């Protein structure tokens, strides 16, 4: 499998996941305070929304890469 075909598969899978889930959430540590033996940390959850057009674009681009590499 050449690299273009592999990239095409990755793009199609990523685009499908973007359409199914619509985004992803990650935890970001913002503050940490230590007061003697006591330690406090604040963690914020950040959400990143993936637009529908980006998911569709990734699927189309991946499909183009798959079909163009299959013809060679």
Foldseek 3Di string as FASTA:
>chain_A
DDPLLVQLVVLQVVLVVCVVVQWDKDKDWDDWDDDDPDIDTDIDIDIDGDDNVSSVVSNVSSVVSNVVVVVD
